[in-house]
C-alpha atoms as a PDB file:
ATOM      1  CA  MET A   1      -2.937 -16.354  14.687  1.00  0.00           C
ATOM      2  CA  LEU A   2      -1.025 -13.098  14.236  1.00  0.00           C
ATOM      3  CA  SER A   3      -2.289 -10.778  11.537  1.00  0.00           C
ATOM      4  CA  LYS A   4       0.164  -9.310   9.046  1.00  0.00           C
ATOM      5  CA  ILE A   5       1.014  -5.647   9.416  1.00  0.00           C
ATOM      6  CA  SER A   6       1.661  -3.789   6.164  1.00  0.00           C
ATOM      7  CA  PHE A   7       0.647  -0.784   4.064  1.00  0.00           C
ATOM      8  CA  GLU A   8      -1.056  -2.989   1.480  1.00  0.00           C
ATOM      9  CA  ASP A   9      -4.408  -1.287   2.186  1.00  0.00           C
ATOM     10  CA  LEU A  10      -3.027   1.824   0.461  1.00  0.00           C
ATOM     11  CA  THR A  11      -2.529   0.100  -2.867  1.00  0.00           C
ATOM     12  CA  GLY A  12      -4.800   1.516  -5.569  1.00  0.00           C
ATOM     13  CA  LYS A  13      -5.995   4.415  -3.429  1.00  0.00           C
ATOM     14  CA  VAL A  14      -5.999   7.998  -4.709  1.00  0.00           C
ATOM     15  CA  CYS A  15      -4.115  10.792  -2.947  1.00  0.00           C
ATOM     16  CA  VAL A  16      -3.884  14.515  -3.621  1.00  0.00           C
ATOM     17  CA  LEU A  17      -0.623  16.140  -2.622  1.00  0.00           C
ATOM     18  CA  THR A  18      -0.499  19.926  -2.695  1.00  0.00           C
ATOM     19  CA  GLY A  19       2.813  21.740  -3.141  1.00  0.00           C
ATOM     20  CA  GLY A  20       4.176  18.427  -4.339  1.00  0.00           C
ATOM     21  CA  ALA A  21       6.653  19.696  -6.940  1.00  0.00           C
ATOM     22  CA  GLY A  22       9.255  20.771  -4.352  1.00  0.00           C
ATOM     23  CA  VAL A  23      12.132  18.754  -2.822  1.00  0.00           C
ATOM     24  CA  ILE A  24      10.142  17.314   0.113  1.00  0.00           C
ATOM     25  CA  GLY A  25       7.026  16.844  -2.024  1.00  0.00           C
ATOM     26  CA  ALA A  26       8.975  14.842  -4.577  1.00  0.00           C
ATOM     27  CA  SER A  27      10.123  12.446  -1.856  1.00  0.00           C
ATOM     28  CA  LEU A  28       6.592  12.036  -0.507  1.00  0.00           C
ATOM     29  CA  VAL A  29       5.263  11.330  -4.032  1.00  0.00           C
ATOM     30  CA  ARG A  30       7.842   8.602  -4.476  1.00  0.00           C
ATOM     31  CA  GLY A  31       6.889   7.126  -1.089  1.00  0.00           C
ATOM     32  CA  LEU A  32       3.240   7.068  -2.084  1.00  0.00           C
ATOM     33  CA  ALA A  33       4.023   5.535  -5.496  1.00  0.00           C
ATOM     34  CA  ALA A  34       6.135   2.827  -3.879  1.00  0.00           C
ATOM     35  CA  ALA A  35       3.072   1.896  -1.797  1.00  0.00           C
ATOM     36  CA  GLY A  36       0.897   1.734  -4.907  1.00  0.00           C
ATOM     37  CA  VAL A  37      -0.978   4.976  -4.240  1.00  0.00           C
ATOM     38  CA  LYS A  38      -2.136   6.848  -7.321  1.00  0.00           C
ATOM     39  CA  THR A  39      -1.181  10.474  -6.709  1.00  0.00           C
ATOM     40  CA  ALA A  40      -2.201  13.830  -8.119  1.00  0.00           C
ATOM     41  CA  ILE A  41       0.518  16.423  -7.562  1.00  0.00           C
ATOM     42  CA  VAL A  42      -1.236  19.753  -7.255  1.00  0.00           C
ATOM     43  CA  ASP A  43       1.166  22.666  -7.562  1.00  0.00           C
ATOM     44  CA  LEU A  44       1.124  26.304  -8.646  1.00  0.00           C
ATOM     45  CA  ASN A  45       3.767  25.273 -11.147  1.00  0.00           C
ATOM     46  CA  GLY A  46       1.710  22.797 -13.159  1.00  0.00           C
ATOM     47  CA  GLU A  47       4.547  22.118 -15.600  1.00  0.00           C
ATOM     48  CA  ALA A  48       6.924  21.102 -12.812  1.00  0.00           C
ATOM     49  CA  ALA A  49       4.201  18.948 -11.253  1.00  0.00           C
ATOM     50  CA  SER A  50       3.561  17.148 -14.573  1.00  0.00           C
ATOM     51  CA  GLN A  51       7.255  16.596 -15.173  1.00  0.00           C
ATOM     52  CA  LEU A  52       7.739  15.085 -11.720  1.00  0.00           C
ATOM     53  CA  ALA A  53       4.602  12.953 -12.139  1.00  0.00           C
ATOM     54  CA  ALA A  54       5.901  11.523 -15.427  1.00  0.00           C
ATOM     55  CA  THR A  55       9.259  10.719 -13.809  1.00  0.00           C
ATOM     56  CA  VAL A  56       7.720   9.041 -10.772  1.00  0.00           C
ATOM     57  CA  GLU A  57       5.271   7.038 -12.854  1.00  0.00           C
ATOM     58  CA  LYS A  58       8.095   5.791 -15.072  1.00  0.00           C
ATOM     59  CA  GLU A  59      10.169   4.837 -12.031  1.00  0.00           C
ATOM     60  CA  SER A  60       7.404   3.105 -10.081  1.00  0.00           C
ATOM     61  CA  GLY A  61       4.785   2.005 -12.565  1.00  0.00           C
ATOM     62  CA  THR A  62       2.146   3.684 -10.350  1.00  0.00           C
ATOM     63  CA  THR A  63      -0.226   6.157 -11.997  1.00  0.00           C
ATOM     64  CA  THR A  64       0.814   9.703 -11.106  1.00  0.00           C
ATOM     65  CA  ILE A  65      -0.393  12.988 -12.584  1.00  0.00           C
ATOM     66  CA  GLY A  66       0.422  16.676 -12.216  1.00  0.00           C
ATOM     67  CA  VAL A  67      -2.232  19.371 -12.026  1.00  0.00           C
ATOM     68  CA  GLY A  68      -1.670  23.120 -11.917  1.00  0.00           C
ATOM     69  CA  ALA A  69      -3.695  24.979  -9.311  1.00  0.00           C
ATOM     70  CA  SER A  70      -3.386  27.591  -6.574  1.00  0.00           C
ATOM     71  CA  VAL A  71      -4.043  26.488  -2.971  1.00  0.00           C
ATOM     72  CA  LEU A  72      -5.188  30.078  -2.303  1.00  0.00           C
ATOM     73  CA  ASP A  73      -7.942  29.989  -4.965  1.00  0.00           C
ATOM     74  CA  LYS A  74     -10.940  27.775  -4.188  1.00  0.00           C
ATOM     75  CA  ASP A  75     -12.249  27.856  -7.747  1.00  0.00           C
ATOM     76  CA  SER A  76      -8.838  26.755  -8.997  1.00  0.00           C
ATOM     77  CA  LEU A  77      -8.913  23.824  -6.587  1.00  0.00           C
ATOM     78  CA  ILE A  78     -12.455  22.834  -7.626  1.00  0.00           C
ATOM     79  CA  ALA A  79     -11.316  22.765 -11.248  1.00  0.00           C
ATOM     80  CA  ALA A  80      -8.295  20.629 -10.251  1.00  0.00           C
ATOM     81  CA  LYS A  81     -10.553  18.199  -8.388  1.00  0.00           C
ATOM     82  CA  LYS A  82     -12.647  17.699 -11.506  1.00  0.00           C
ATOM     83  CA  ILE A  83      -9.531  16.756 -13.462  1.00  0.00           C
ATOM     84  CA  ILE A  84      -8.359  14.403 -10.734  1.00  0.00           C
ATOM     85  CA  ASN A  85     -11.720  12.660 -10.515  1.00  0.00           C
ATOM     86  CA  GLU A  86     -11.775  12.167 -14.294  1.00  0.00           C
ATOM     87  CA  LYS A  87      -8.215  10.787 -14.469  1.00  0.00           C
ATOM     88  CA  LEU A  88      -7.800   8.908 -11.192  1.00  0.00           C
ATOM     89  CA  GLY A  89     -11.254   8.478  -9.648  1.00  0.00           C
ATOM     90  CA  LYS A  90     -12.524   9.372  -6.187  1.00  0.00           C
ATOM     91  CA  ILE A  91     -10.057  10.888  -3.731  1.00  0.00           C
ATOM     92  CA  ASN A  92      -9.126   8.859  -0.648  1.00  0.00           C
ATOM     93  CA  PHE A  93      -6.370  10.961   0.883  1.00  0.00           C
ATOM     94  CA  LEU A  94      -5.165  14.573   1.028  1.00  0.00           C
ATOM     95  CA  ILE A  95      -1.707  15.697   2.020  1.00  0.00           C
ATOM     96  CA  ASN A  96      -1.473  19.451   2.536  1.00  0.00           C
ATOM     97  CA  GLY A  97       2.148  20.039   1.606  1.00  0.00           C
ATOM     98  CA  ALA A  98       1.978  23.538   0.177  1.00  0.00           C
ATOM     99  CA  GLY A  99       3.814  26.090   2.314  1.00  0.00           C
ATOM    100  CA  GLY A 100       7.099  27.839   2.894  1.00  0.00           C
ATOM    101  CA  ASN A 101       8.732  31.006   4.211  1.00  0.00           C
ATOM    102  CA  SER A 102       9.978  34.159   2.537  1.00  0.00           C
ATOM    103  CA  PRO A 103      12.674  36.760   3.210  1.00  0.00           C
ATOM    104  CA  THR A 104       9.915  39.416   3.171  1.00  0.00           C
ATOM    105  CA  ALA A 105       8.427  37.908   6.375  1.00  0.00           C
ATOM    106  CA  THR A 106      11.795  37.393   8.078  1.00  0.00           C
ATOM    107  CA  THR A 107      13.489  39.726  10.543  1.00  0.00           C
ATOM    108  CA  GLN A 108      17.197  40.353  10.122  1.00  0.00           C
ATOM    109  CA  LEU A 109      17.667  40.561  13.905  1.00  0.00           C
ATOM    110  CA  GLU A 110      17.078  37.580  16.184  1.00  0.00           C
ATOM    111  CA  GLU A 111      16.161  39.863  19.051  1.00  0.00           C
ATOM    112  CA  ILE A 112      16.127  43.524  20.003  1.00  0.00           C
ATOM    113  CA  LEU A 113      18.929  44.552  22.342  1.00  0.00           C
ATOM    114  CA  PRO A 114      19.697  47.895  23.991  1.00  0.00           C
ATOM    115  CA  ASN A 115      22.574  48.417  21.575  1.00  0.00           C
ATOM    116  CA  ASN A 116      20.582  47.869  18.365  1.00  0.00           C
ATOM    117  CA  LEU A 117      17.588  50.108  18.952  1.00  0.00           C
ATOM    118  CA  SER A 118      18.767  52.204  16.015  1.00  0.00           C
ATOM    119  CA  GLU A 119      18.113  49.207  13.710  1.00  0.00           C
ATOM    120  CA  LEU A 120      14.420  48.703  14.335  1.00  0.00           C
ATOM    121  CA  GLU A 121      13.787  48.377  10.602  1.00  0.00           C
ATOM    122  CA  LYS A 122      15.637  45.049  10.823  1.00  0.00           C
ATOM    123  CA  SER A 123      13.342  43.834  13.586  1.00  0.00           C
ATOM    124  CA  PHE A 124       9.691  43.015  14.139  1.00  0.00           C
ATOM    125  CA  TYR A 125       8.882  46.704  13.719  1.00  0.00           C
ATOM    126  CA  GLY A 126      10.253  46.705  10.194  1.00  0.00           C
ATOM    127  CA  LEU A 127       8.362  43.675   8.921  1.00  0.00           C
ATOM    128  CA  SER A 128       6.379  43.997   5.724  1.00  0.00           C
ATOM    129  CA  ILE A 129       2.705  43.422   6.504  1.00  0.00           C
ATOM    130  CA  GLU A 130       2.194  42.228   2.960  1.00  0.00           C
ATOM    131  CA  GLY A 131       5.070  39.758   3.304  1.00  0.00           C
ATOM    132  CA  PHE A 132       3.726  38.493   6.628  1.00  0.00           C
ATOM    133  CA  GLN A 133       0.230  38.022   5.163  1.00  0.00           C
ATOM    134  CA  LYS A 134       1.611  36.193   2.105  1.00  0.00           C
ATOM    135  CA  VAL A 135       3.526  33.645   4.185  1.00  0.00           C
ATOM    136  CA  TYR A 136       0.671  33.163   6.671  1.00  0.00           C
ATOM    137  CA  ASP A 137      -1.878  32.661   3.894  1.00  0.00           C
ATOM    138  CA  LEU A 138       0.295  30.252   1.942  1.00  0.00           C
ATOM    139  CA  ASN A 139       0.762  28.006   4.967  1.00  0.00           C
ATOM    140  CA  PHE A 140      -2.603  28.242   6.729  1.00  0.00           C
ATOM    141  CA  LYS A 141      -5.151  29.283   4.120  1.00  0.00           C
ATOM    142  CA  GLY A 142      -3.260  26.975   1.751  1.00  0.00           C
ATOM    143  CA  THR A 143      -4.179  24.111   4.078  1.00  0.00           C
ATOM    144  CA  LEU A 144      -7.712  25.256   4.872  1.00  0.00           C
ATOM    145  CA  LEU A 145      -8.994  25.615   1.292  1.00  0.00           C
ATOM    146  CA  PRO A 146      -7.705  22.280  -0.101  1.00  0.00           C
ATOM    147  CA  SER A 147      -9.232  20.561   2.951  1.00  0.00           C
ATOM    148  CA  MET A 148     -12.598  22.062   2.010  1.00  0.00           C
ATOM    149  CA  VAL A 149     -12.379  20.924  -1.604  1.00  0.00           C
ATOM    150  CA  PHE A 150     -10.601  17.597  -1.665  1.00  0.00           C
ATOM    151  CA  THR A 151     -12.276  15.822   1.265  1.00  0.00           C
ATOM    152  CA  THR A 152     -15.808  15.771  -0.168  1.00  0.00           C
ATOM    153  CA  ASP A 153     -15.211  12.418  -1.871  1.00  0.00           C
ATOM    154  CA  MET A 154     -14.173  11.011   1.496  1.00  0.00           C
ATOM    155  CA  LEU A 155     -17.419  12.224   3.075  1.00  0.00           C
ATOM    156  CA  GLU A 156     -19.377  10.243   0.472  1.00  0.00           C
ATOM    157  CA  ALA A 157     -17.210   7.151   1.008  1.00  0.00           C
ATOM    158  CA  GLY A 158     -17.396   7.343   4.811  1.00  0.00           C
ATOM    159  CA  LYS A 159     -13.630   6.970   5.040  1.00  0.00           C
ATOM    160  CA  GLY A 160     -10.466   8.905   4.261  1.00  0.00           C
ATOM    161  CA  GLY A 161      -7.403  10.602   5.601  1.00  0.00           C
ATOM    162  CA  VAL A 162      -5.974  14.115   5.720  1.00  0.00           C
ATOM    163  CA  LEU A 163      -2.315  14.716   6.546  1.00  0.00           C
ATOM    164  CA  ASN A 164      -1.138  18.263   7.250  1.00  0.00           C
ATOM    165  CA  ILE A 165       2.489  19.293   7.160  1.00  0.00           C
ATOM    166  CA  SER A 166       3.270  21.236  10.309  1.00  0.00           C
ATOM    167  CA  SER A 167       6.693  22.162  11.687  1.00  0.00           C
ATOM    168  CA  MET A 168       8.655  22.199  14.939  1.00  0.00           C
ATOM    169  CA  ASN A 169       8.044  25.987  14.800  1.00  0.00           C
ATOM    170  CA  ALA A 170       4.492  25.199  15.832  1.00  0.00           C
ATOM    171  CA  TYR A 171       5.692  24.211  19.319  1.00  0.00           C
ATOM    172  CA  LYS A 172       8.512  26.683  19.904  1.00  0.00           C
ATOM    173  CA  PRO A 173       8.689  29.580  17.460  1.00  0.00           C
ATOM    174  CA  LEU A 174      12.122  30.196  15.979  1.00  0.00           C
ATOM    175  CA  THR A 175      13.592  33.683  15.970  1.00  0.00           C
ATOM    176  CA  LYS A 176      13.322  35.713  12.774  1.00  0.00           C
ATOM    177  CA  ILE A 177      10.307  33.932  11.237  1.00  0.00           C
ATOM    178  CA  PRO A 178       7.119  35.035  13.079  1.00  0.00           C
ATOM    179  CA  ALA A 179       4.691  34.571  10.128  1.00  0.00           C
ATOM    180  CA  TYR A 180       5.793  31.000   9.374  1.00  0.00           C
ATOM    181  CA  SER A 181       5.765  30.055  13.048  1.00  0.00           C
ATOM    182  CA  ALA A 182       2.318  31.530  13.603  1.00  0.00           C
ATOM    183  CA  ALA A 183       0.916  29.751  10.556  1.00  0.00           C
ATOM    184  CA  LYS A 184       2.307  26.385  11.536  1.00  0.00           C
ATOM    185  CA  ALA A 185       0.937  26.768  15.069  1.00  0.00           C
ATOM    186  CA  SER A 186      -2.423  27.496  13.420  1.00  0.00           C
ATOM    187  CA  ILE A 187      -2.118  24.286  11.403  1.00  0.00           C
ATOM    188  CA  ASN A 188      -1.640  22.237  14.581  1.00  0.00           C
ATOM    189  CA  ASN A 189      -4.788  23.779  16.096  1.00  0.00           C
ATOM    190  CA  PHE A 190      -6.715  23.321  12.854  1.00  0.00           C
ATOM    191  CA  THR A 191      -5.605  19.685  12.658  1.00  0.00           C
ATOM    192  CA  GLU A 192      -7.119  19.015  16.074  1.00  0.00           C
ATOM    193  CA  TRP A 193     -10.259  21.024  15.290  1.00  0.00           C
ATOM    194  CA  LEU A 194     -10.922  19.274  11.964  1.00  0.00           C
ATOM    195  CA  ALA A 195     -10.141  15.861  13.421  1.00  0.00           C
ATOM    196  CA  VAL A 196     -12.958  16.335  15.959  1.00  0.00           C
ATOM    197  CA  HIS A 197     -15.282  17.896  13.421  1.00  0.00           C
ATOM    198  CA  LEU A 198     -14.922  14.919  11.025  1.00  0.00           C
ATOM    199  CA  ALA A 199     -14.338  12.088  13.527  1.00  0.00           C
ATOM    200  CA  LYS A 200     -17.715  10.418  13.031  1.00  0.00           C
ATOM    201  CA  THR A 201     -17.557  10.679   9.237  1.00  0.00           C
ATOM    202  CA  GLY A 202     -14.693   8.180   8.992  1.00  0.00           C
ATOM    203  CA  ILE A 203     -12.191  10.832   7.957  1.00  0.00           C
ATOM    204  CA  ARG A 204      -9.057  10.975  10.088  1.00  0.00           C
ATOM    205  CA  VAL A 205      -6.995  14.188  10.273  1.00  0.00           C
ATOM    206  CA  ASN A 206      -3.377  14.158  11.486  1.00  0.00           C
ATOM    207  CA  ALA A 207      -0.108  15.998  10.922  1.00  0.00           C
ATOM    208  CA  ILE A 208       3.614  15.511  10.858  1.00  0.00           C
ATOM    209  CA  ALA A 209       6.055  18.164  12.105  1.00  0.00           C
ATOM    210  CA  PRO A 210       9.407  18.025  10.320  1.00  0.00           C
ATOM    211  CA  GLY A 211      12.399  19.269  12.227  1.00  0.00           C
ATOM    212  CA  PHE A 212      15.151  20.904  10.221  1.00  0.00           C
ATOM    213  CA  PHE A 213      15.403  20.016   6.547  1.00  0.00           C
ATOM    214  CA  LEU A 214      17.334  22.081   4.048  1.00  0.00           C
ATOM    215  CA  THR A 215      14.813  23.402   1.497  1.00  0.00           C
ATOM    216  CA  ASN A 216      14.707  26.215  -1.026  1.00  0.00           C
ATOM    217  CA  GLN A 217      12.688  28.250   1.435  1.00  0.00           C
ATOM    218  CA  ASN A 218      15.174  28.175   4.335  1.00  0.00           C
ATOM    219  CA  ARG A 219      18.529  27.722   2.587  1.00  0.00           C
ATOM    220  CA  PHE A 220      19.123  31.503   2.685  1.00  0.00           C
ATOM    221  CA  LEU A 221      18.957  31.379   6.482  1.00  0.00           C
ATOM    222  CA  LEU A 222      21.012  28.231   7.090  1.00  0.00           C
ATOM    223  CA  THR A 223      23.852  28.344   4.565  1.00  0.00           C
ATOM    224  CA  ASP A 224      26.167  31.063   3.311  1.00  0.00           C
ATOM    225  CA  GLU A 225      25.343  31.759  -0.315  1.00  0.00           C
ATOM    226  CA  LYS A 226      28.950  32.396  -1.275  1.00  0.00           C
ATOM    227  CA  THR A 227      30.793  29.704   0.652  1.00  0.00           C
ATOM    228  CA  GLY A 228      28.116  27.033   1.115  1.00  0.00           C
ATOM    229  CA  GLU A 229      29.142  26.766   4.784  1.00  0.00           C
ATOM    230  CA  SER A 230      26.627  26.744   7.635  1.00  0.00           C
ATOM    231  CA  THR A 231      25.629  30.119   8.975  1.00  0.00           C
ATOM    232  CA  ALA A 232      25.745  30.778  12.717  1.00  0.00           C
ATOM    233  CA  ARG A 233      22.042  29.937  12.747  1.00  0.00           C
ATOM    234  CA  GLY A 234      22.666  26.661  10.930  1.00  0.00           C
ATOM    235  CA  LYS A 235      25.309  25.693  13.443  1.00  0.00           C
ATOM    236  CA  LYS A 236      22.931  26.421  16.345  1.00  0.00           C
ATOM    237  CA  ILE A 237      20.326  24.164  14.764  1.00  0.00           C
ATOM    238  CA  ILE A 238      22.709  21.225  14.351  1.00  0.00           C
ATOM    239  CA  ALA A 239      23.962  21.717  17.929  1.00  0.00           C
ATOM    240  CA  SER A 240      20.319  21.555  19.141  1.00  0.00           C
ATOM    241  CA  THR A 241      19.485  18.405  17.187  1.00  0.00           C
ATOM    242  CA  PRO A 242      20.717  15.312  19.099  1.00  0.00           C
ATOM    243  CA  MET A 243      21.247  13.330  15.900  1.00  0.00           C
ATOM    244  CA  GLY A 244      23.599  16.099  14.759  1.00  0.00           C
ATOM    245  CA  LYS A 245      22.323  16.511  11.214  1.00  0.00           C
ATOM    246  CA  TYR A 246      19.539  17.865   9.029  1.00  0.00           C
ATOM    247  CA  GLY A 247      16.695  15.568   8.101  1.00  0.00           C
ATOM    248  CA  GLU A 248      16.516  14.023   4.643  1.00  0.00           C
ATOM    249  CA  PRO A 249      13.212  14.262   2.724  1.00  0.00           C
ATOM    250  CA  ASP A 250      12.919  10.463   2.709  1.00  0.00           C
ATOM    251  CA  ASP A 251      12.788  10.526   6.508  1.00  0.00           C
ATOM    252  CA  LEU A 252       9.171  11.659   6.294  1.00  0.00           C
ATOM    253  CA  LYS A 253       7.865   8.686   4.287  1.00  0.00           C
ATOM    254  CA  GLY A 254       7.353   6.267   7.171  1.00  0.00           C
ATOM    255  CA  ALA A 255       5.288   8.644   9.299  1.00  0.00           C
ATOM    256  CA  MET A 256       3.267   9.620   6.197  1.00  0.00           C
ATOM    257  CA  LEU A 257       2.380   6.040   5.231  1.00  0.00           C
ATOM    258  CA  PHE A 258       1.657   5.097   8.856  1.00  0.00           C
ATOM    259  CA  LEU A 259      -0.845   7.928   9.358  1.00  0.00           C
ATOM    260  CA  LEU A 260      -2.630   7.289   6.044  1.00  0.00           C
ATOM    261  CA  SER A 261      -2.826   3.536   6.453  1.00  0.00           C
ATOM    262  CA  ASP A 262      -5.446   1.561   8.366  1.00  0.00           C
ATOM    263  CA  VAL A 263      -2.693   0.423  10.709  1.00  0.00           C
ATOM    264  CA  SER A 264      -3.342   3.754  12.486  1.00  0.00           C
ATOM    265  CA  SER A 265      -7.105   3.527  12.196  1.00  0.00           C
ATOM    266  CA  PHE A 266      -7.732   4.696  15.802  1.00  0.00           C
ATOM    267  CA  ILE A 267      -5.418   7.673  15.508  1.00  0.00           C
ATOM    268  CA  THR A 268      -6.753  11.139  14.681  1.00  0.00           C
ATOM    269  CA  GLY A 269      -5.951  14.706  15.755  1.00  0.00           C
ATOM    270  CA  ILE A 270      -2.230  14.164  16.453  1.00  0.00           C
ATOM    271  CA  CYS A 271       1.004  15.640  15.158  1.00  0.00           C
ATOM    272  CA  ILE A 272       4.104  13.442  14.997  1.00  0.00           C
ATOM    273  CA  PRO A 273       7.523  15.197  15.208  1.00  0.00           C
ATOM    274  CA  VAL A 274      10.101  13.965  12.722  1.00  0.00           C
ATOM    275  CA  ASP A 275      12.956  15.988  14.074  1.00  0.00           C
ATOM    276  CA  GLY A 276      16.079  13.993  15.002  1.00  0.00           C
ATOM    277  CA  GLY A 277      15.320  14.501  18.718  1.00  0.00           C
ATOM    278  CA  TYR A 278      15.124  18.314  18.555  1.00  0.00           C
ATOM    279  CA  SER A 279      11.867  18.428  20.578  1.00  0.00           C
ATOM    280  CA  ALA A 280      13.305  16.146  23.244  1.00  0.00           C
ATOM    281  CA  TYR A 281      16.482  18.163  23.848  1.00  0.00           C
ATOM    282  CA  GLY A 282      16.657  20.755  26.601  1.00  0.00           C
ATOM    283  CA  GLY A 283      19.889  22.318  25.356  1.00  0.00           C
ATOM    284  CA  VAL A 284      22.050  20.909  28.184  1.00  0.00           C
END
């Protein structure tokens, strides 16, 4: 007799989603709610997290809360965990969604050429160290600290799942954004390391690597602020994506639910690209 394959094992479980008040986070929250997962949206903007939680709960009927906290402050996360435990119960899953890029960690030049040596301030040599550190910390340290805090319930239960949000930058760094690329590469390595470290505890650790999605963090690079048209960089991205379009936030839901559910119970330490074929394309 064939057994039924579904995500029903997720119903009633508790998930913490960091950085969940953004565009992609909102889609992931709705995907979790549709599967019956009670979710705590942990975001630096606690008000935005609470507003989104109220909206999702009204739409889905699944308990959803918002909690203000900083993923760069361990004490803040410990305080958030206490609130989550009181309101939702023990934590079963963690999605490390906090992250993003910044113009302060972005070079204006894609590469240094013999004819632009007079513009080194627009290159790697002109990067703000403070800006670089801020972006790296948000993406990597902002995954490390929540993993330390929110997985302790899973240790006690002998079961759980962590899902990190990586990027295609982790495999091939894009020009202009060295801090973001370095941090996402670190997340891939950390995903593998933590998966091995926790393998015998029953906690699985995986990641998904979105391809190109228009977000508030990268819009300034991909679209012209005045015309709304694609920049030269945006056009290059679309030309390098076989499906010929940007991803939609909802495109991440399936991979997320798959990796959290028991249907992937023998999978740990992997990163699944969700990229419209970008990683498969050689450019010719």
